[in-house]
Amino acid sequence: MSEDSLLTFPCNLPVKVIGRNSEDFRSVAGDIVQAHYGDLKQRQIAEQLSKNGSFLSLTFTVHVETRDRADALYRDLTASEDILMVL
């Protein structure tokens, strides 16, 4: 059974991860993405601070081969207490 998806795999997928602005957050998010997709080039990672600087969003653009791999990354990211939101 095939699930409906707006994505066609394989594809480049931007994954936005939001957490508190800290080195721990950067490390945790980066380690999880690296475990799934290996080392990313700096151009594959974008950072944006919140207006008051308390929160940070990291957008990792990864090349996803299958929906299962995208889902596995999402599950691991959302399981971390350091990560507040994944889009």
PDB file of N, CA and C in Angstrom:
ATOM      1  N   MET A   1       0.844  -1.186   0.000  1.00  0.00           N
ATOM      2  CA  MET A   1       0.000   0.000   0.000  1.00  0.00           C
ATOM      3  C   MET A   1       0.879   1.235   0.000  1.00  0.00           C
ATOM      4  N   SER A   2       0.618   2.149  -0.873  1.00  0.00           N
ATOM      5  CA  SER A   2       1.401   3.367  -1.001  1.00  0.00           C
ATOM      6  C   SER A   2       0.665   4.527  -0.348  1.00  0.00           C
ATOM      7  N   GLU A   3       1.398   5.291   0.455  1.00  0.00           N
ATOM      8  CA  GLU A   3       0.790   6.459   1.100  1.00  0.00           C
ATOM      9  C   GLU A   3       0.928   7.665   0.185  1.00  0.00           C
ATOM     10  N   ASP A   4      -0.064   8.517   0.206  1.00  0.00           N
ATOM     11  CA  ASP A   4       0.013   9.741  -0.581  1.00  0.00           C
ATOM     12  C   ASP A   4       1.082  10.650   0.014  1.00  0.00           C
ATOM     13  N   SER A   5       1.865  11.266  -0.848  1.00  0.00           N
ATOM     14  CA  SER A   5       2.920  12.167  -0.414  1.00  0.00           C
ATOM     15  C   SER A   5       3.024  13.296  -1.411  1.00  0.00           C
ATOM     16  N   LEU A   6       3.321  14.473  -0.906  1.00  0.00           N
ATOM     17  CA  LEU A   6       3.548  15.614  -1.783  1.00  0.00           C
ATOM     18  C   LEU A   6       4.949  15.562  -2.380  1.00  0.00           C
ATOM     19  N   LEU A   7       5.792  14.695  -1.828  1.00  0.00           N
ATOM     20  CA  LEU A   7       7.168  14.565  -2.280  1.00  0.00           C
ATOM     21  C   LEU A   7       7.312  13.397  -3.236  1.00  0.00           C
ATOM     22  N   THR A   8       8.236  13.539  -4.169  1.00  0.00           N
ATOM     23  CA  THR A   8       8.616  12.456  -5.050  1.00  0.00           C
ATOM     24  C   THR A   8      10.048  12.094  -4.703  1.00  0.00           C
ATOM     25  N   PHE A   9      10.272  10.843  -4.361  1.00  0.00           N
ATOM     26  CA  PHE A   9      11.605  10.412  -3.936  1.00  0.00           C
ATOM     27  C   PHE A   9      12.331   9.766  -5.100  1.00  0.00           C
ATOM     28  N   PRO A  10      13.654   9.957  -5.153  1.00  0.00           N
ATOM     29  CA  PRO A  10      14.519  10.719  -4.258  1.00  0.00           C
ATOM     30  C   PRO A  10      14.360  12.224  -4.483  1.00  0.00           C
ATOM     31  N   CYS A  11      14.721  13.007  -3.452  1.00  0.00           N
ATOM     32  CA  CYS A  11      14.631  14.461  -3.548  1.00  0.00           C
ATOM     33  C   CYS A  11      15.536  15.117  -2.509  1.00  0.00           C
ATOM     34  N   ASN A  12      15.796  16.399  -2.708  1.00  0.00           N
ATOM     35  CA  ASN A  12      16.467  17.200  -1.693  1.00  0.00           C
ATOM     36  C   ASN A  12      15.386  17.741  -0.778  1.00  0.00           C
ATOM     37  N   LEU A  13      15.564  17.520   0.529  1.00  0.00           N
ATOM     38  CA  LEU A  13      14.536  17.873   1.500  1.00  0.00           C
ATOM     39  C   LEU A  13      15.108  18.806   2.558  1.00  0.00           C
ATOM     40  N   PRO A  14      14.570  20.024   2.670  1.00  0.00           N
ATOM     41  CA  PRO A  14      14.995  20.898   3.767  1.00  0.00           C
ATOM     42  C   PRO A  14      14.264  20.496   5.050  1.00  0.00           C
ATOM     43  N   VAL A  15      15.029  20.239   6.108  1.00  0.00           N
ATOM     44  CA  VAL A  15      14.471  19.847   7.396  1.00  0.00           C
ATOM     45  C   VAL A  15      14.820  20.943   8.401  1.00  0.00           C
ATOM     46  N   LYS A  16      13.805  21.661   8.878  1.00  0.00           N
ATOM     47  CA  LYS A  16      14.019  22.747   9.828  1.00  0.00           C
ATOM     48  C   LYS A  16      13.870  22.214  11.248  1.00  0.00           C
ATOM     49  N   VAL A  17      14.889  22.469  12.064  1.00  0.00           N
ATOM     50  CA  VAL A  17      14.943  21.997  13.439  1.00  0.00           C
ATOM     51  C   VAL A  17      15.061  23.216  14.333  1.00  0.00           C
ATOM     52  N   ILE A  18      14.194  23.338  15.337  1.00  0.00           N
ATOM     53  CA  ILE A  18      14.164  24.524  16.202  1.00  0.00           C
ATOM     54  C   ILE A  18      14.444  24.114  17.640  1.00  0.00           C
ATOM     55  N   GLY A  19      15.299  24.913  18.292  1.00  0.00           N
ATOM     56  CA  GLY A  19      15.635  24.665  19.693  1.00  0.00           C
ATOM     57  C   GLY A  19      16.149  25.924  20.351  1.00  0.00           C
ATOM     58  N   ARG A  20      16.550  25.804  21.605  1.00  0.00           N
ATOM     59  CA  ARG A  20      17.137  26.939  22.316  1.00  0.00           C
ATOM     60  C   ARG A  20      18.505  27.239  21.710  1.00  0.00           C
ATOM     61  N   ASN A  21      18.882  28.495  21.675  1.00  0.00           N
ATOM     62  CA  ASN A  21      20.143  28.928  21.103  1.00  0.00           C
ATOM     63  C   ASN A  21      21.291  28.511  22.019  1.00  0.00           C
ATOM     64  N   SER A  22      21.843  27.327  21.774  1.00  0.00           N
ATOM     65  CA  SER A  22      22.957  26.825  22.581  1.00  0.00           C
ATOM     66  C   SER A  22      23.813  25.888  21.739  1.00  0.00           C
ATOM     67  N   GLU A  23      25.055  25.716  22.173  1.00  0.00           N
ATOM     68  CA  GLU A  23      25.937  24.776  21.476  1.00  0.00           C
ATOM     69  C   GLU A  23      25.407  23.346  21.601  1.00  0.00           C
ATOM     70  N   ASP A  24      24.783  23.023  22.739  1.00  0.00           N
ATOM     71  CA  ASP A  24      24.216  21.678  22.909  1.00  0.00           C
ATOM     72  C   ASP A  24      23.189  21.386  21.822  1.00  0.00           C
ATOM     73  N   PHE A  25      22.313  22.346  21.562  1.00  0.00           N
ATOM     74  CA  PHE A  25      21.291  22.163  20.532  1.00  0.00           C
ATOM     75  C   PHE A  25      21.942  21.930  19.171  1.00  0.00           C
ATOM     76  N   ARG A  26      22.915  22.773  18.809  1.00  0.00           N
ATOM     77  CA  ARG A  26      23.598  22.611  17.522  1.00  0.00           C
ATOM     78  C   ARG A  26      24.223  21.214  17.408  1.00  0.00           C
ATOM     79  N   SER A  27      24.896  20.799  18.471  1.00  0.00           N
ATOM     80  CA  SER A  27      25.574  19.496  18.458  1.00  0.00           C
ATOM     81  C   SER A  27      24.594  18.341  18.346  1.00  0.00           C
ATOM     82  N   VAL A  28      23.542  18.379  19.149  1.00  0.00           N
ATOM     83  CA  VAL A  28      22.561  17.296  19.144  1.00  0.00           C
ATOM     84  C   VAL A  28      21.893  17.182  17.768  1.00  0.00           C
ATOM     85  N   ALA A  29      21.406  18.302  17.254  1.00  0.00           N
ATOM     86  CA  ALA A  29      20.734  18.283  15.947  1.00  0.00           C
ATOM     87  C   ALA A  29      21.699  17.830  14.855  1.00  0.00           C
ATOM     88  N   GLY A  30      22.902  18.383  14.854  1.00  0.00           N
ATOM     89  CA  GLY A  30      23.896  18.011  13.845  1.00  0.00           C
ATOM     90  C   GLY A  30      24.279  16.548  13.916  1.00  0.00           C
ATOM     91  N   ASP A  31      24.440  16.021  15.135  1.00  0.00           N
ATOM     92  CA  ASP A  31      24.800  14.612  15.295  1.00  0.00           C
ATOM     93  C   ASP A  31      23.708  13.681  14.780  1.00  0.00           C
ATOM     94  N   ILE A  32      22.452  14.033  15.028  1.00  0.00           N
ATOM     95  CA  ILE A  32      21.344  13.194  14.558  1.00  0.00           C
ATOM     96  C   ILE A  32      21.291  13.179  13.037  1.00  0.00           C
ATOM     97  N   VAL A  33      21.390  14.356  12.427  1.00  0.00           N
ATOM     98  CA  VAL A  33      21.358  14.420  10.960  1.00  0.00           C
ATOM     99  C   VAL A  33      22.564  13.689  10.374  1.00  0.00           C
ATOM    100  N   GLN A  34      23.736  13.875  10.988  1.00  0.00           N
ATOM    101  CA  GLN A  34      24.949  13.210  10.503  1.00  0.00           C
ATOM    102  C   GLN A  34      24.830  11.688  10.602  1.00  0.00           C
ATOM    103  N   ALA A  35      24.178  11.194  11.645  1.00  0.00           N
ATOM    104  CA  ALA A  35      24.001   9.743  11.790  1.00  0.00           C
ATOM    105  C   ALA A  35      23.189   9.161  10.629  1.00  0.00           C
ATOM    106  N   HIS A  36      22.287   9.962  10.071  1.00  0.00           N
ATOM    107  CA  HIS A  36      21.443   9.491   8.973  1.00  0.00           C
ATOM    108  C   HIS A  36      22.041   9.776   7.595  1.00  0.00           C
ATOM    109  N   TYR A  37      22.737  10.913   7.462  1.00  0.00           N
ATOM    110  CA  TYR A  37      23.160  11.369   6.130  1.00  0.00           C
ATOM    111  C   TYR A  37      24.635  11.695   6.005  1.00  0.00           C
ATOM    112  N   GLY A  38      25.434  11.392   7.027  1.00  0.00           N
ATOM    113  CA  GLY A  38      26.865  11.672   6.953  1.00  0.00           C
ATOM    114  C   GLY A  38      27.139  13.163   7.087  1.00  0.00           C
ATOM    115  N   ASP A  39      28.376  13.527   6.846  1.00  0.00           N
ATOM    116  CA  ASP A  39      28.766  14.933   6.971  1.00  0.00           C
ATOM    117  C   ASP A  39      28.094  15.770   5.891  1.00  0.00           C
ATOM    118  N   LEU A  40      27.567  16.904   6.300  1.00  0.00           N
ATOM    119  CA  LEU A  40      26.958  17.833   5.349  1.00  0.00           C
ATOM    120  C   LEU A  40      27.919  18.978   5.086  1.00  0.00           C
ATOM    121  N   LYS A  41      27.870  19.495   3.895  1.00  0.00           N
ATOM    122  CA  LYS A  41      28.656  20.690   3.571  1.00  0.00           C
ATOM    123  C   LYS A  41      27.983  21.893   4.219  1.00  0.00           C
ATOM    124  N   GLN A  42      28.768  22.916   4.510  1.00  0.00           N
ATOM    125  CA  GLN A  42      28.238  24.104   5.179  1.00  0.00           C
ATOM    126  C   GLN A  42      27.077  24.720   4.395  1.00  0.00           C
ATOM    127  N   ARG A  43      27.120  24.631   3.065  1.00  0.00           N
ATOM    128  CA  ARG A  43      26.028  25.214   2.261  1.00  0.00           C
ATOM    129  C   ARG A  43      24.722  24.450   2.419  1.00  0.00           C
ATOM    130  N   GLN A  44      24.773  23.271   3.035  1.00  0.00           N
ATOM    131  CA  GLN A  44      23.570  22.475   3.256  1.00  0.00           C
ATOM    132  C   GLN A  44      22.933  22.777   4.611  1.00  0.00           C
ATOM    133  N   ILE A  45      23.520  23.705   5.365  1.00  0.00           N
ATOM    134  CA  ILE A  45      23.008  24.044   6.693  1.00  0.00           C
ATOM    135  C   ILE A  45      22.821  25.558   6.775  1.00  0.00           C
ATOM    136  N   ALA A  46      21.601  25.970   7.118  1.00  0.00           N
ATOM    137  CA  ALA A  46      21.310  27.393   7.297  1.00  0.00           C
ATOM    138  C   ALA A  46      20.880  27.621   8.741  1.00  0.00           C
ATOM    139  N   GLU A  47      21.302  28.755   9.310  1.00  0.00           N
ATOM    140  CA  GLU A  47      20.943  29.102  10.686  1.00  0.00           C
ATOM    141  C   GLU A  47      20.153  30.398  10.702  1.00  0.00           C
ATOM    142  N   GLN A  48      19.195  30.477  11.621  1.00  0.00           N
ATOM    143  CA  GLN A  48      18.442  31.716  11.807  1.00  0.00           C
ATOM    144  C   GLN A  48      18.100  31.854  13.279  1.00  0.00           C
ATOM    145  N   LEU A  49      18.509  32.981  13.873  1.00  0.00           N
ATOM    146  CA  LEU A  49      18.179  33.279  15.269  1.00  0.00           C
ATOM    147  C   LEU A  49      16.794  33.897  15.363  1.00  0.00           C
ATOM    148  N   SER A  50      16.125  33.667  16.489  1.00  0.00           N
ATOM    149  CA  SER A  50      14.847  34.336  16.736  1.00  0.00           C
ATOM    150  C   SER A  50      15.120  35.820  16.989  1.00  0.00           C
ATOM    151  N   LYS A  51      14.085  36.592  16.987  1.00  0.00           N
ATOM    152  CA  LYS A  51      14.208  38.046  17.149  1.00  0.00           C
ATOM    153  C   LYS A  51      14.986  38.411  18.416  1.00  0.00           C
ATOM    154  N   ASN A  52      14.704  37.734  19.522  1.00  0.00           N
ATOM    155  CA  ASN A  52      15.387  38.067  20.775  1.00  0.00           C
ATOM    156  C   ASN A  52      16.624  37.205  21.019  1.00  0.00           C
ATOM    157  N   GLY A  53      16.950  36.290  20.106  1.00  0.00           N
ATOM    158  CA  GLY A  53      18.155  35.487  20.209  1.00  0.00           C
ATOM    159  C   GLY A  53      18.056  34.281  21.122  1.00  0.00           C
ATOM    160  N   SER A  54      16.879  34.001  21.657  1.00  0.00           N
ATOM    161  CA  SER A  54      16.722  32.863  22.572  1.00  0.00           C
ATOM    162  C   SER A  54      16.621  31.526  21.857  1.00  0.00           C
ATOM    163  N   PHE A  55      16.119  31.543  20.638  1.00  0.00           N
ATOM    164  CA  PHE A  55      15.893  30.313  19.885  1.00  0.00           C
ATOM    165  C   PHE A  55      16.675  30.342  18.584  1.00  0.00           C
ATOM    166  N   LEU A  56      16.963  29.167  18.083  1.00  0.00           N
ATOM    167  CA  LEU A  56      17.720  29.032  16.849  1.00  0.00           C
ATOM    168  C   LEU A  56      17.035  28.003  15.969  1.00  0.00           C
ATOM    169  N   SER A  57      16.926  28.312  14.684  1.00  0.00           N
ATOM    170  CA  SER A  57      16.452  27.294  13.743  1.00  0.00           C
ATOM    171  C   SER A  57      17.625  26.920  12.846  1.00  0.00           C
ATOM    172  N   LEU A  58      17.773  25.630  12.654  1.00  0.00           N
ATOM    173  CA  LEU A  58      18.774  25.079  11.751  1.00  0.00           C
ATOM    174  C   LEU A  58      18.024  24.370  10.634  1.00  0.00           C
ATOM    175  N   THR A  59      18.342  24.697   9.403  1.00  0.00           N
ATOM    176  CA  THR A  59      17.729  24.008   8.273  1.00  0.00           C
ATOM    177  C   THR A  59      18.802  23.181   7.589  1.00  0.00           C
ATOM    178  N   PHE A  60      18.606  21.868   7.623  1.00  0.00           N
ATOM    179  CA  PHE A  60      19.519  20.923   6.984  1.00  0.00           C
ATOM    180  C   PHE A  60      18.885  20.481   5.675  1.00  0.00           C
ATOM    181  N   THR A  61      19.563  20.665   4.565  1.00  0.00           N
ATOM    182  CA  THR A  61      19.047  20.185   3.287  1.00  0.00           C
ATOM    183  C   THR A  61      19.747  18.870   2.979  1.00  0.00           C
ATOM    184  N   VAL A  62      18.971  17.795   2.999  1.00  0.00           N
ATOM    185  CA  VAL A  62      19.516  16.450   2.810  1.00  0.00           C
ATOM    186  C   VAL A  62      18.910  15.812   1.565  1.00  0.00           C
ATOM    187  N   HIS A  63      19.669  14.910   0.957  1.00  0.00           N
ATOM    188  CA  HIS A  63      19.169  14.171  -0.201  1.00  0.00           C
ATOM    189  C   HIS A  63      18.549  12.873   0.313  1.00  0.00           C
ATOM    190  N   VAL A  64      17.236  12.786   0.202  1.00  0.00           N
ATOM    191  CA  VAL A  64      16.484  11.663   0.757  1.00  0.00           C
ATOM    192  C   VAL A  64      16.108  10.711  -0.371  1.00  0.00           C
ATOM    193  N   GLU A  65      16.464   9.446  -0.187  1.00  0.00           N
ATOM    194  CA  GLU A  65      16.175   8.434  -1.201  1.00  0.00           C
ATOM    195  C   GLU A  65      14.759   7.872  -1.081  1.00  0.00           C
ATOM    196  N   THR A  66      14.284   7.698   0.163  1.00  0.00           N
ATOM    197  CA  THR A  66      12.969   7.083   0.367  1.00  0.00           C
ATOM    198  C   THR A  66      12.222   7.790   1.495  1.00  0.00           C
ATOM    199  N   ARG A  67      10.927   7.600   1.505  1.00  0.00           N
ATOM    200  CA  ARG A  67      10.110   8.168   2.582  1.00  0.00           C
ATOM    201  C   ARG A  67      10.483   7.558   3.933  1.00  0.00           C
ATOM    202  N   ASP A  68      10.813   6.279   3.950  1.00  0.00           N
ATOM    203  CA  ASP A  68      11.211   5.624   5.198  1.00  0.00           C
ATOM    204  C   ASP A  68      12.423   6.302   5.823  1.00  0.00           C
ATOM    205  N   ARG A  69      13.394   6.684   4.999  1.00  0.00           N
ATOM    206  CA  ARG A  69      14.588   7.368   5.529  1.00  0.00           C
ATOM    207  C   ARG A  69      14.227   8.743   6.063  1.00  0.00           C
ATOM    208  N   ALA A  70      13.343   9.458   5.390  1.00  0.00           N
ATOM    209  CA  ALA A  70      12.901  10.775   5.868  1.00  0.00           C
ATOM    210  C   ALA A  70      12.148  10.618   7.193  1.00  0.00           C
ATOM    211  N   ASP A  71      11.294   9.615   7.274  1.00  0.00           N
ATOM    212  CA  ASP A  71      10.535   9.368   8.503  1.00  0.00           C
ATOM    213  C   ASP A  71      11.454   8.999   9.667  1.00  0.00           C
ATOM    214  N   ALA A  72      12.493   8.199   9.396  1.00  0.00           N
ATOM    215  CA  ALA A  72      13.432   7.800  10.448  1.00  0.00           C
ATOM    216  C   ALA A  72      14.169   9.016  11.002  1.00  0.00           C
ATOM    217  N   LEU A  73      14.584   9.921  10.132  1.00  0.00           N
ATOM    218  CA  LEU A  73      15.249  11.143  10.578  1.00  0.00           C
ATOM    219  C   LEU A  73      14.297  11.966  11.438  1.00  0.00           C
ATOM    220  N   TYR A  74      13.065  12.139  10.986  1.00  0.00           N
ATOM    221  CA  TYR A  74      12.067  12.908  11.729  1.00  0.00           C
ATOM    222  C   TYR A  74      11.831  12.299  13.116  1.00  0.00           C
ATOM    223  N   ARG A  75      11.706  10.991  13.194  1.00  0.00           N
ATOM    224  CA  ARG A  75      11.492  10.323  14.489  1.00  0.00           C
ATOM    225  C   ARG A  75      12.654  10.563  15.442  1.00  0.00           C
ATOM    226  N   ASP A  76      13.878  10.438  14.947  1.00  0.00           N
ATOM    227  CA  ASP A  76      15.042  10.640  15.811  1.00  0.00           C
ATOM    228  C   ASP A  76      15.154  12.092  16.268  1.00  0.00           C
ATOM    229  N   LEU A  77      14.863  13.022  15.386  1.00  0.00           N
ATOM    230  CA  LEU A  77      14.923  14.433  15.770  1.00  0.00           C
ATOM    231  C   LEU A  77      13.865  14.768  16.819  1.00  0.00           C
ATOM    232  N   THR A  78      12.651  14.305  16.623  1.00  0.00           N
ATOM    233  CA  THR A  78      11.572  14.640  17.552  1.00  0.00           C
ATOM    234  C   THR A  78      11.714  13.908  18.881  1.00  0.00           C
ATOM    235  N   ALA A  79      12.503  12.850  18.933  1.00  0.00           N
ATOM    236  CA  ALA A  79      12.712  12.122  20.184  1.00  0.00           C
ATOM    237  C   ALA A  79      13.679  12.836  21.127  1.00  0.00           C
ATOM    238  N   SER A  80      14.440  13.786  20.616  1.00  0.00           N
ATOM    239  CA  SER A  80      15.428  14.499  21.432  1.00  0.00           C
ATOM    240  C   SER A  80      14.774  15.587  22.277  1.00  0.00           C
ATOM    241  N   GLU A  81      15.115  15.630  23.550  1.00  0.00           N
ATOM    242  CA  GLU A  81      14.589  16.666  24.451  1.00  0.00           C
ATOM    243  C   GLU A  81      15.164  18.044  24.134  1.00  0.00           C
ATOM    244  N   ASP A  82      16.314  18.105  23.451  1.00  0.00           N
ATOM    245  CA  ASP A  82      16.942  19.380  23.107  1.00  0.00           C
ATOM    246  C   ASP A  82      16.267  20.058  21.920  1.00  0.00           C
ATOM    247  N   ILE A  83      15.468  19.299  21.186  1.00  0.00           N
ATOM    248  CA  ILE A  83      14.824  19.818  19.983  1.00  0.00           C
ATOM    249  C   ILE A  83      13.356  20.097  20.288  1.00  0.00           C
ATOM    250  N   LEU A  84      12.944  21.353  20.051  1.00  0.00           N
ATOM    251  CA  LEU A  84      11.584  21.779  20.396  1.00  0.00           C
ATOM    252  C   LEU A  84      10.589  21.511  19.262  1.00  0.00           C
ATOM    253  N   MET A  85      11.058  21.597  17.997  1.00  0.00           N
ATOM    254  CA  MET A  85      10.141  21.454  16.869  1.00  0.00           C
ATOM    255  C   MET A  85      10.924  21.041  15.625  1.00  0.00           C
ATOM    256  N   VAL A  86      10.284  20.236  14.782  1.00  0.00           N
ATOM    257  CA  VAL A  86      10.867  19.834  13.505  1.00  0.00           C
ATOM    258  C   VAL A  86       9.827  20.082  12.430  1.00  0.00           C
ATOM    259  N   LEU A  87      10.223  20.781  11.390  1.00  0.00           N
ATOM    260  CA  LEU A  87       9.317  21.077  10.263  1.00  0.00           C
ATOM    261  C   LEU A  87       9.906  20.522   8.977  1.00  0.00           C
TER     262      LEU A  87
END
